[in-house]
Amino acid sequence: AEAERRGAAVLAGVTACRDAHAKLRLVVFALEALGGDDDDCGPVTADVLLPRTVACVAEARVPHLHAELAYVEAFARDDFLGVEGYALTTFRCALDVALCDEAPRPVRMTSLRRIESDGG
């Protein structure tokens, strides 16, 4: 819970950043704040980091976070490799999960076969 609060405090500053590079650096710093070991849960893997990032996004309550992240993606760089790309992708995924009304449903093979037979 402490890691999520640290990350949310950092992420909340994204609206104050005036250029895409500053926003991207802040997103990286927020993800780094979430990576700190908390509650002796062991190493921080993607399985731990994504739920923390979802909680961070929910707690930060950044207005128009989708637009902030889209701005970064459009104007920061053409290639998002390494830690910057990982941070941006993780926050975009977390935002999608946080905004989702219900848990994703598994796709059934019968549904896929029906789509294939319909030519879709």
Protein backbone atom coordinates (compact mmCIF):
# COMPACT_ATOMS: atom_id res chain seq x y z
CA ALA A 1 0.00 0.00 0.00
CA GLU A 2 2.88 2.34 0.71
CA ALA A 3 4.36 1.80 -2.75
CA GLU A 4 1.01 2.70 -4.36
CA ARG A 5 0.82 5.91 -2.33
CA ARG A 6 4.37 6.87 -3.34
CA GLY A 7 3.61 6.15 -7.00
CA ALA A 8 0.34 8.06 -6.88
CA ALA A 9 2.03 11.09 -5.33
CA VAL A 10 4.56 11.12 -8.17
CA LEU A 11 1.99 10.43 -10.92
CA ALA A 12 -0.26 13.25 -9.70
CA GLY A 13 2.38 15.72 -10.90
CA VAL A 14 2.06 14.71 -14.55
CA THR A 15 -0.38 17.52 -15.32
CA ALA A 16 2.13 20.11 -14.11
CA CYS A 17 4.77 18.95 -16.60
CA ARG A 18 4.81 21.14 -19.68
CA ASP A 19 6.51 18.93 -22.26
CA ALA A 20 6.31 15.30 -23.31
CA HIS A 21 9.80 14.41 -22.13
CA ALA A 22 9.13 15.73 -18.63
CA LYS A 23 5.85 13.79 -18.50
CA LEU A 24 7.65 10.63 -19.64
CA ARG A 25 10.35 11.03 -16.98
CA LEU A 26 7.65 11.43 -14.36
CA VAL A 27 5.87 8.26 -15.54
CA VAL A 28 9.19 6.40 -15.20
CA PHE A 29 9.73 7.83 -11.70
CA ALA A 30 6.20 6.78 -10.70
CA LEU A 31 6.84 3.23 -11.89
CA GLU A 32 10.14 3.17 -10.01
CA ALA A 33 8.31 4.28 -6.85
CA LEU A 34 5.93 1.33 -7.30
CA GLY A 35 8.83 -1.09 -7.64
CA GLY A 36 10.05 -0.65 -4.09
CA ASP A 37 9.67 -3.74 -1.93
CA ASP A 38 6.64 -3.51 0.28
CA ASP A 39 5.23 -5.89 2.90
CA ASP A 40 8.00 -8.45 2.26
CA CYS A 41 6.17 -9.83 -0.78
CA GLY A 42 9.43 -10.84 -2.43
CA PRO A 43 10.78 -9.63 -5.74
CA VAL A 44 8.65 -7.19 -7.68
CA THR A 45 7.61 -8.95 -10.87
CA ALA A 46 5.12 -7.89 -13.52
CA ASP A 47 2.51 -9.95 -11.63
CA VAL A 48 3.04 -7.67 -8.63
CA LEU A 49 3.71 -4.46 -10.53
CA LEU A 50 0.56 -4.30 -12.67
CA PRO A 51 -1.91 -4.51 -9.74
CA ARG A 52 0.17 -1.91 -7.91
CA THR A 53 0.04 0.33 -10.97
CA VAL A 54 -3.74 -0.08 -11.21
CA ALA A 55 -4.05 0.94 -7.55
CA CYS A 56 -1.68 3.86 -8.18
CA VAL A 57 -3.76 5.11 -11.12
CA ALA A 58 -6.95 4.84 -9.07
CA GLU A 59 -5.43 6.67 -6.11
CA ALA A 60 -3.73 9.42 -8.13
CA ARG A 61 -6.98 10.43 -9.87
CA VAL A 62 -5.15 12.32 -12.60
CA PRO A 63 -7.71 14.10 -14.77
CA HIS A 64 -7.55 12.98 -18.40
CA LEU A 65 -4.71 10.51 -17.79
CA HIS A 66 -5.48 8.85 -21.14
CA ALA A 67 -4.79 12.18 -22.87
CA GLU A 68 -1.61 12.75 -20.85
CA LEU A 69 -0.24 9.33 -21.85
CA ALA A 70 -1.31 9.78 -25.47
CA TYR A 71 0.50 13.13 -25.54
CA VAL A 72 3.67 11.45 -24.29
CA GLU A 73 3.34 8.70 -26.86
CA ALA A 74 2.78 11.17 -29.70
CA PHE A 75 5.45 13.73 -28.91
CA ALA A 76 8.18 12.24 -26.73
CA ARG A 77 9.90 9.89 -29.18
CA ASP A 78 9.33 7.56 -32.04
CA ASP A 79 10.79 4.54 -30.27
CA PHE A 80 9.74 3.50 -26.80
CA LEU A 81 12.30 0.93 -25.84
CA GLY A 82 13.70 0.10 -22.45
CA VAL A 83 12.43 1.47 -19.19
CA GLU A 84 10.55 4.37 -20.78
CA GLY A 85 8.54 2.11 -23.07
CA TYR A 86 7.91 -0.35 -20.27
CA ALA A 87 6.69 2.40 -17.94
CA LEU A 88 4.40 3.95 -20.56
CA THR A 89 2.95 0.57 -21.55
CA THR A 90 2.43 -0.47 -17.93
CA PHE A 91 0.55 2.72 -17.10
CA ARG A 92 -1.59 2.50 -20.25
CA CYS A 93 -2.53 -1.09 -19.38
CA ALA A 94 -3.21 -0.16 -15.76
CA LEU A 95 -5.44 2.70 -16.84
CA ASP A 96 -7.41 0.38 -19.12
CA VAL A 97 -7.87 -2.08 -16.25
CA ALA A 98 -8.84 0.67 -13.81
CA LEU A 99 -11.49 1.98 -16.21
CA CYS A 100 -12.89 -1.45 -17.05
CA ASP A 101 -16.36 -2.06 -15.60
CA GLU A 102 -15.91 -5.77 -15.14
CA ALA A 103 -13.21 -8.39 -15.23
CA PRO A 104 -12.26 -9.57 -18.70
CA ARG A 105 -14.02 -12.72 -19.80
CA PRO A 106 -12.05 -15.57 -21.30
CA VAL A 107 -12.61 -16.18 -25.00
CA ARG A 108 -14.16 -19.55 -25.70
CA MET A 109 -12.86 -21.65 -28.55
CA THR A 110 -16.42 -22.08 -29.86
CA SER A 111 -16.65 -18.30 -30.24
CA LEU A 112 -13.43 -18.26 -32.25
CA ARG A 113 -14.61 -21.08 -34.50
CA ARG A 114 -17.87 -19.25 -35.17
CA ILE A 115 -15.95 -16.09 -36.13
CA GLU A 116 -13.67 -18.05 -38.43
CA SER A 117 -16.59 -19.81 -40.15
CA ASP A 118 -18.35 -16.46 -40.65
CA GLY A 119 -15.23 -15.14 -42.40
CA GLY A 120 -14.47 -12.58 -39.67
